[in-house]
Amino acid sequence: MAIRILLADDHTLMRKGLRSLLEKIEDFEVVAEAQNGRSTVQLALKLMPDIVIMDISMPDLNGIDATLQITEKCPGIRIIALSIHSDRRFVTQMLKAGASGYLLKDCAFEELEDAIRKACDGQMYLSPKVAGTVVKDYVSRVSKGEASVYTLLSEREREVLQLLAEGQSTKEISASLFVSVKTVETHRQNIMKKLGIYNIPDLVKYAIREGLIDLDS
């Protein structure tokens, strides 16, 4: 029986290259591709793949919050992060969101294949480059309740913050999230109050620092 895979990455070349490699494996089937976090969630809930290979820095909705939404609604779907980021914050937040694996984009394809098979068997896989000190640091810092965008803001507030940082207007965010303009304004006020940041440029800097967006967004 084929392992059904959804690819999520905002770089077309990366997706196409991965798809080409994955489809050479007899029991792997790529069922769809997504270029942002929101469409990844929609496709995952619609197609119910076995595995989602998830980039972290994606527009509209980042990979961490996309992972959180998928694992909350469909815990049977396994998420494997494939990222350029080896920073502790990205790894720990993906694990907290429910990811079954974390690999760096410079890994060998055989490592990704191994991670997919382990995830399907209910096992966790971490790239050797991030597994050691990152996991120790994760356990230590999480136990201390370290403040981050994922502890300070709600899921919806993070969505609003990411869209604000990506340059969307209040009306555009309202349409994207299917909520009223007033609701978006309330979320923005709450975000600023919780973070102690009261202007958009500094919110953008904060979003970049916390990994909600990157400089290419």
C-alpha atoms as a PDB file:
ATOM      1  CA  MET A   1       0.000   0.000   0.000  1.00  0.00           C
ATOM      2  CA  ALA A   2       1.423   3.367  -1.045  1.00  0.00           C
ATOM      3  CA  ILE A   3       2.473   6.011   1.473  1.00  0.00           C
ATOM      4  CA  ARG A   4       0.549   9.124   0.462  1.00  0.00           C
ATOM      5  CA  ILE A   5       2.556  12.361   0.780  1.00  0.00           C
ATOM      6  CA  LEU A   6       1.645  16.060   0.676  1.00  0.00           C
ATOM      7  CA  LEU A   7       4.506  18.475  -0.094  1.00  0.00           C
ATOM      8  CA  ALA A   8       4.393  21.964   1.464  1.00  0.00           C
ATOM      9  CA  ASP A   9       7.049  24.487   0.424  1.00  0.00           C
ATOM     10  CA  ASP A  10       6.787  27.990  -1.017  1.00  0.00           C
ATOM     11  CA  HIS A  11       9.674  27.388  -3.426  1.00  0.00           C
ATOM     12  CA  THR A  12       8.469  25.721  -6.611  1.00  0.00           C
ATOM     13  CA  LEU A  13      11.881  24.332  -7.513  1.00  0.00           C
ATOM     14  CA  MET A  14      12.178  22.662  -4.112  1.00  0.00           C
ATOM     15  CA  ARG A  15       8.742  21.066  -4.405  1.00  0.00           C
ATOM     16  CA  LYS A  16       9.312  19.812  -7.938  1.00  0.00           C
ATOM     17  CA  GLY A  17      12.730  18.409  -7.071  1.00  0.00           C
ATOM     18  CA  LEU A  18      11.397  16.605  -4.020  1.00  0.00           C
ATOM     19  CA  ARG A  19       8.431  15.259  -5.942  1.00  0.00           C
ATOM     20  CA  SER A  20      10.704  13.860  -8.623  1.00  0.00           C
ATOM     21  CA  LEU A  21      12.829  12.052  -6.031  1.00  0.00           C
ATOM     22  CA  LEU A  22       9.917  10.771  -3.960  1.00  0.00           C
ATOM     23  CA  GLU A  23       8.025   9.387  -6.939  1.00  0.00           C
ATOM     24  CA  LYS A  24      11.017   7.209  -7.815  1.00  0.00           C
ATOM     25  CA  ILE A  25      10.266   5.210  -4.647  1.00  0.00           C
ATOM     26  CA  GLU A  26       7.825   2.461  -5.555  1.00  0.00           C
ATOM     27  CA  ASP A  27       5.570   2.746  -2.495  1.00  0.00           C
ATOM     28  CA  PHE A  28       5.597   6.575  -2.259  1.00  0.00           C
ATOM     29  CA  GLU A  29       2.805   8.634  -3.835  1.00  0.00           C
ATOM     30  CA  VAL A  30       2.803  12.454  -3.862  1.00  0.00           C
ATOM     31  CA  VAL A  31      -0.897  13.360  -3.750  1.00  0.00           C
ATOM     32  CA  ALA A  32      -0.569  17.167  -3.863  1.00  0.00           C
ATOM     33  CA  GLU A  33       1.665  20.213  -3.440  1.00  0.00           C
ATOM     34  CA  ALA A  34       1.036  23.409  -1.445  1.00  0.00           C
ATOM     35  CA  GLN A  35       2.913  26.711  -1.504  1.00  0.00           C
ATOM     36  CA  ASN A  36       1.671  28.236   1.754  1.00  0.00           C
ATOM     37  CA  GLY A  37       0.563  27.085   5.168  1.00  0.00           C
ATOM     38  CA  ARG A  38      -3.139  27.773   4.758  1.00  0.00           C
ATOM     39  CA  SER A  39      -3.487  25.751   1.567  1.00  0.00           C
ATOM     40  CA  THR A  40      -1.439  22.995   3.228  1.00  0.00           C
ATOM     41  CA  VAL A  41      -4.010  22.731   6.011  1.00  0.00           C
ATOM     42  CA  GLN A  42      -6.885  22.732   3.534  1.00  0.00           C
ATOM     43  CA  LEU A  43      -5.319  20.037   1.353  1.00  0.00           C
ATOM     44  CA  ALA A  44      -4.349  17.907   4.345  1.00  0.00           C
ATOM     45  CA  LEU A  45      -7.893  17.918   5.712  1.00  0.00           C
ATOM     46  CA  LYS A  46      -9.335  17.217   2.270  1.00  0.00           C
ATOM     47  CA  LEU A  47      -6.920  14.515   1.067  1.00  0.00           C
ATOM     48  CA  MET A  48      -5.903  12.949   4.409  1.00  0.00           C
ATOM     49  CA  PRO A  49      -2.329  12.038   3.388  1.00  0.00           C
ATOM     50  CA  ASP A  50      -0.192   9.770   5.531  1.00  0.00           C
ATOM     51  CA  ILE A  51       2.679  12.279   5.595  1.00  0.00           C
ATOM     52  CA  VAL A  52       3.031  16.040   5.175  1.00  0.00           C
ATOM     53  CA  ILE A  53       6.551  17.245   4.423  1.00  0.00           C
ATOM     54  CA  MET A  54       6.372  20.752   5.834  1.00  0.00           C
ATOM     55  CA  ASP A  55       8.563  23.791   5.275  1.00  0.00           C
ATOM     56  CA  ILE A  56       8.506  26.220   8.200  1.00  0.00           C
ATOM     57  CA  SER A  57       8.873  29.681   6.668  1.00  0.00           C
ATOM     58  CA  MET A  58       5.877  29.953   4.349  1.00  0.00           C
ATOM     59  CA  PRO A  59       3.584  32.889   3.518  1.00  0.00           C
ATOM     60  CA  ASP A  60       0.010  33.373   4.758  1.00  0.00           C
ATOM     61  CA  LEU A  61       0.394  30.780   7.544  1.00  0.00           C
ATOM     62  CA  ASN A  62       3.752  29.488   8.776  1.00  0.00           C
ATOM     63  CA  GLY A  63       4.574  25.803   8.944  1.00  0.00           C
ATOM     64  CA  ILE A  64       4.471  25.628  12.736  1.00  0.00           C
ATOM     65  CA  ASP A  65       0.902  26.886  13.004  1.00  0.00           C
ATOM     66  CA  ALA A  66      -0.101  24.820   9.963  1.00  0.00           C
ATOM     67  CA  THR A  67       1.295  21.760  11.755  1.00  0.00           C
ATOM     68  CA  LEU A  68      -0.608  22.655  14.901  1.00  0.00           C
ATOM     69  CA  GLN A  69      -3.892  22.965  13.012  1.00  0.00           C
ATOM     70  CA  ILE A  70      -3.421  19.690  11.150  1.00  0.00           C
ATOM     71  CA  THR A  71      -2.384  17.642  14.175  1.00  0.00           C
ATOM     72  CA  GLU A  72      -5.242  19.039  16.264  1.00  0.00           C
ATOM     73  CA  LYS A  73      -7.863  18.137  13.659  1.00  0.00           C
ATOM     74  CA  CYS A  74      -6.281  14.984  12.212  1.00  0.00           C
ATOM     75  CA  PRO A  75      -3.768  13.479  14.649  1.00  0.00           C
ATOM     76  CA  GLY A  76      -3.293  10.497  12.342  1.00  0.00           C
ATOM     77  CA  ILE A  77      -1.484  12.643   9.777  1.00  0.00           C
ATOM     78  CA  ARG A  78       2.267  12.658  10.391  1.00  0.00           C
ATOM     79  CA  ILE A  79       4.192  15.883   9.851  1.00  0.00           C
ATOM     80  CA  ILE A  80       7.879  15.989   8.961  1.00  0.00           C
ATOM     81  CA  ALA A  81       9.548  19.394   8.999  1.00  0.00           C
ATOM     82  CA  LEU A  82      12.069  19.989   6.230  1.00  0.00           C
ATOM     83  CA  SER A  83      13.749  23.325   6.849  1.00  0.00           C
ATOM     84  CA  ILE A  84      16.884  25.388   6.435  1.00  0.00           C
ATOM     85  CA  HIS A  85      16.559  26.405  10.096  1.00  0.00           C
ATOM     86  CA  SER A  86      18.516  24.517  12.750  1.00  0.00           C
ATOM     87  CA  ASP A  87      17.780  27.126  15.424  1.00  0.00           C
ATOM     88  CA  ARG A  88      16.371  25.733  18.669  1.00  0.00           C
ATOM     89  CA  ARG A  89      13.208  27.836  18.455  1.00  0.00           C
ATOM     90  CA  PHE A  90      12.066  26.304  15.181  1.00  0.00           C
ATOM     91  CA  VAL A  91      12.802  22.742  16.207  1.00  0.00           C
ATOM     92  CA  THR A  92      11.169  22.962  19.613  1.00  0.00           C
ATOM     93  CA  GLN A  93       8.044  24.705  18.380  1.00  0.00           C
ATOM     94  CA  MET A  94       7.576  22.157  15.581  1.00  0.00           C
ATOM     95  CA  LEU A  95       7.856  19.342  18.105  1.00  0.00           C
ATOM     96  CA  LYS A  96       5.387  21.055  20.418  1.00  0.00           C
ATOM     97  CA  ALA A  97       3.004  21.500  17.480  1.00  0.00           C
ATOM     98  CA  GLY A  98       3.020  17.736  16.960  1.00  0.00           C
ATOM     99  CA  ALA A  99       5.606  17.095  14.236  1.00  0.00           C
ATOM    100  CA  SER A 100       6.939  13.550  13.986  1.00  0.00           C
ATOM    101  CA  GLY A 101      10.284  14.587  12.540  1.00  0.00           C
ATOM    102  CA  TYR A 102      12.624  17.463  11.795  1.00  0.00           C
ATOM    103  CA  LEU A 103      15.226  17.405   9.024  1.00  0.00           C
ATOM    104  CA  LEU A 104      17.446  20.036   7.490  1.00  0.00           C
ATOM    105  CA  LYS A 105      17.233  20.730   3.769  1.00  0.00           C
ATOM    106  CA  ASP A 106      20.847  19.770   3.227  1.00  0.00           C
ATOM    107  CA  CYS A 107      20.167  16.197   4.353  1.00  0.00           C
ATOM    108  CA  ALA A 108      20.618  13.229   2.031  1.00  0.00           C
ATOM    109  CA  PHE A 109      17.466  11.972   0.336  1.00  0.00           C
ATOM    110  CA  GLU A 110      17.950   8.590   2.002  1.00  0.00           C
ATOM    111  CA  GLU A 111      17.584  10.322   5.372  1.00  0.00           C
ATOM    112  CA  LEU A 112      14.247  11.798   4.320  1.00  0.00           C
ATOM    113  CA  GLU A 113      13.059   8.400   3.100  1.00  0.00           C
ATOM    114  CA  ASP A 114      14.037   6.879   6.451  1.00  0.00           C
ATOM    115  CA  ALA A 115      12.206   9.651   8.336  1.00  0.00           C
ATOM    116  CA  ILE A 116       9.037   9.082   6.297  1.00  0.00           C
ATOM    117  CA  ARG A 117       9.032   5.363   7.021  1.00  0.00           C
ATOM    118  CA  LYS A 118       9.723   5.905  10.716  1.00  0.00           C
ATOM    119  CA  ALA A 119       6.916   8.474  10.963  1.00  0.00           C
ATOM    120  CA  CYS A 120       4.502   6.033   9.327  1.00  0.00           C
ATOM    121  CA  ASP A 121       5.487   3.500  11.996  1.00  0.00           C
ATOM    122  CA  GLY A 122       4.710   6.025  14.733  1.00  0.00           C
ATOM    123  CA  GLN A 123       8.342   6.845  15.484  1.00  0.00           C
ATOM    124  CA  MET A 124      10.076  10.204  15.841  1.00  0.00           C
ATOM    125  CA  TYR A 125      12.990  11.205  13.621  1.00  0.00           C
ATOM    126  CA  LEU A 126      15.357  14.114  14.176  1.00  0.00           C
ATOM    127  CA  SER A 127      18.248  15.060  11.928  1.00  0.00           C
ATOM    128  CA  PRO A 128      21.544  14.240  13.676  1.00  0.00           C
ATOM    129  CA  LYS A 129      22.567  17.885  13.199  1.00  0.00           C
ATOM    130  CA  VAL A 130      19.806  19.086  15.511  1.00  0.00           C
ATOM    131  CA  ALA A 131      19.076  16.102  17.742  1.00  0.00           C
ATOM    132  CA  GLY A 132      21.620  16.534  20.506  1.00  0.00           C
ATOM    133  CA  THR A 133      21.906  19.894  22.173  1.00  0.00           C
ATOM    134  CA  VAL A 134      18.625  21.136  20.718  1.00  0.00           C
ATOM    135  CA  VAL A 135      16.549  18.449  22.400  1.00  0.00           C
ATOM    136  CA  LYS A 136      18.323  18.964  25.731  1.00  0.00           C
ATOM    137  CA  ASP A 137      17.776  22.688  25.458  1.00  0.00           C
ATOM    138  CA  TYR A 138      14.153  22.104  24.518  1.00  0.00           C
ATOM    139  CA  VAL A 139      13.423  20.050  27.604  1.00  0.00           C
ATOM    140  CA  SER A 140      15.179  22.568  29.844  1.00  0.00           C
ATOM    141  CA  ARG A 141      13.555  25.683  28.440  1.00  0.00           C
ATOM    142  CA  VAL A 142      10.041  24.308  28.045  1.00  0.00           C
ATOM    143  CA  SER A 143      10.088  23.170  31.672  1.00  0.00           C
ATOM    144  CA  LYS A 144      10.921  26.754  32.643  1.00  0.00           C
ATOM    145  CA  GLY A 145       8.047  28.124  30.588  1.00  0.00           C
ATOM    146  CA  GLU A 146      10.211  30.284  28.326  1.00  0.00           C
ATOM    147  CA  ALA A 147       8.226  33.124  26.770  1.00  0.00           C
ATOM    148  CA  SER A 148       7.893  33.100  22.983  1.00  0.00           C
ATOM    149  CA  VAL A 149       5.336  34.037  20.361  1.00  0.00           C
ATOM    150  CA  TYR A 150       3.829  30.573  20.925  1.00  0.00           C
ATOM    151  CA  THR A 151       3.327  31.115  24.637  1.00  0.00           C
ATOM    152  CA  LEU A 152       2.394  34.804  24.563  1.00  0.00           C
ATOM    153  CA  LEU A 153      -0.150  34.813  21.720  1.00  0.00           C
ATOM    154  CA  SER A 154      -3.123  32.659  20.830  1.00  0.00           C
ATOM    155  CA  GLU A 155      -3.197  30.727  17.567  1.00  0.00           C
ATOM    156  CA  ARG A 156      -5.499  33.276  15.938  1.00  0.00           C
ATOM    157  CA  GLU A 157      -3.349  36.166  17.192  1.00  0.00           C
ATOM    158  CA  ARG A 158      -0.303  34.532  15.601  1.00  0.00           C
ATOM    159  CA  GLU A 159      -2.187  34.260  12.314  1.00  0.00           C
ATOM    160  CA  VAL A 160      -3.104  37.942  12.452  1.00  0.00           C
ATOM    161  CA  LEU A 161       0.451  38.921  13.399  1.00  0.00           C
ATOM    162  CA  GLN A 162       1.923  36.947  10.500  1.00  0.00           C
ATOM    163  CA  LEU A 163      -0.484  38.498   7.986  1.00  0.00           C
ATOM    164  CA  LEU A 164       0.170  41.991   9.374  1.00  0.00           C
ATOM    165  CA  ALA A 165       3.904  41.411   9.126  1.00  0.00           C
ATOM    166  CA  GLU A 166       3.482  40.208   5.546  1.00  0.00           C
ATOM    167  CA  GLY A 167       1.928  43.569   4.684  1.00  0.00           C
ATOM    168  CA  GLN A 168      -1.756  42.713   4.516  1.00  0.00           C
ATOM    169  CA  SER A 169      -4.269  45.396   5.416  1.00  0.00           C
ATOM    170  CA  THR A 170      -6.967  44.978   8.050  1.00  0.00           C
ATOM    171  CA  LYS A 171      -9.578  44.448   5.319  1.00  0.00           C
ATOM    172  CA  GLU A 172      -7.416  41.848   3.567  1.00  0.00           C
ATOM    173  CA  ILE A 173      -6.862  39.959   6.829  1.00  0.00           C
ATOM    174  CA  SER A 174     -10.588  40.143   7.527  1.00  0.00           C
ATOM    175  CA  ALA A 175     -11.347  38.537   4.162  1.00  0.00           C
ATOM    176  CA  SER A 176      -8.596  35.929   4.511  1.00  0.00           C
ATOM    177  CA  LEU A 177      -9.687  34.762   7.969  1.00  0.00           C
ATOM    178  CA  PHE A 178     -13.447  35.227   7.388  1.00  0.00           C
ATOM    179  CA  VAL A 179     -13.860  37.537  10.370  1.00  0.00           C
ATOM    180  CA  SER A 180     -14.980  41.135  10.712  1.00  0.00           C
ATOM    181  CA  VAL A 181     -12.677  44.125  10.418  1.00  0.00           C
ATOM    182  CA  LYS A 182     -13.500  44.970  14.018  1.00  0.00           C
ATOM    183  CA  THR A 183     -12.368  41.506  15.122  1.00  0.00           C
ATOM    184  CA  VAL A 184      -9.049  41.944  13.317  1.00  0.00           C
ATOM    185  CA  GLU A 185      -8.563  45.347  14.947  1.00  0.00           C
ATOM    186  CA  THR A 186      -9.257  43.810  18.353  1.00  0.00           C
ATOM    187  CA  HIS A 187      -6.711  41.061  17.710  1.00  0.00           C
ATOM    188  CA  ARG A 188      -4.150  43.660  16.621  1.00  0.00           C
ATOM    189  CA  GLN A 189      -4.688  45.674  19.796  1.00  0.00           C
ATOM    190  CA  ASN A 190      -4.360  42.542  21.936  1.00  0.00           C
ATOM    191  CA  ILE A 191      -1.171  41.521  20.109  1.00  0.00           C
ATOM    192  CA  MET A 192       0.413  44.920  20.666  1.00  0.00           C
ATOM    193  CA  LYS A 193      -0.589  44.944  24.320  1.00  0.00           C
ATOM    194  CA  LYS A 194       0.731  41.427  25.007  1.00  0.00           C
ATOM    195  CA  LEU A 195       4.022  42.057  23.220  1.00  0.00           C
ATOM    196  CA  GLY A 196       4.483  45.651  24.295  1.00  0.00           C
ATOM    197  CA  ILE A 197       5.028  46.604  20.639  1.00  0.00           C
ATOM    198  CA  TYR A 198       2.902  49.420  19.255  1.00  0.00           C
ATOM    199  CA  ASN A 199       4.000  49.937  15.649  1.00  0.00           C
ATOM    200  CA  ILE A 200       4.017  47.760  12.530  1.00  0.00           C
ATOM    201  CA  PRO A 201       7.770  47.951  11.727  1.00  0.00           C
ATOM    202  CA  ASP A 202       8.665  46.579  15.155  1.00  0.00           C
ATOM    203  CA  LEU A 203       5.955  43.919  14.837  1.00  0.00           C
ATOM    204  CA  VAL A 204       7.544  42.863  11.553  1.00  0.00           C
ATOM    205  CA  LYS A 205      10.964  42.618  13.220  1.00  0.00           C
ATOM    206  CA  TYR A 206       9.455  40.560  16.035  1.00  0.00           C
ATOM    207  CA  ALA A 207       7.701  38.221  13.591  1.00  0.00           C
ATOM    208  CA  ILE A 208      10.973  37.641  11.732  1.00  0.00           C
ATOM    209  CA  ARG A 209      12.894  37.041  14.963  1.00  0.00           C
ATOM    210  CA  GLU A 210      10.303  34.510  16.162  1.00  0.00           C
ATOM    211  CA  GLY A 211      10.195  32.675  12.844  1.00  0.00           C
ATOM    212  CA  LEU A 212       6.662  33.574  11.757  1.00  0.00           C
ATOM    213  CA  ILE A 213       8.017  35.059   8.533  1.00  0.00           C
ATOM    214  CA  ASP A 214      11.414  35.329   6.913  1.00  0.00           C
ATOM    215  CA  LEU A 215      13.106  38.051   4.911  1.00  0.00           C
ATOM    216  CA  ASP A 216      11.941  36.497   1.640  1.00  0.00           C
ATOM    217  CA  SER A 217       8.260  36.758   2.601  1.00  0.00           C
END
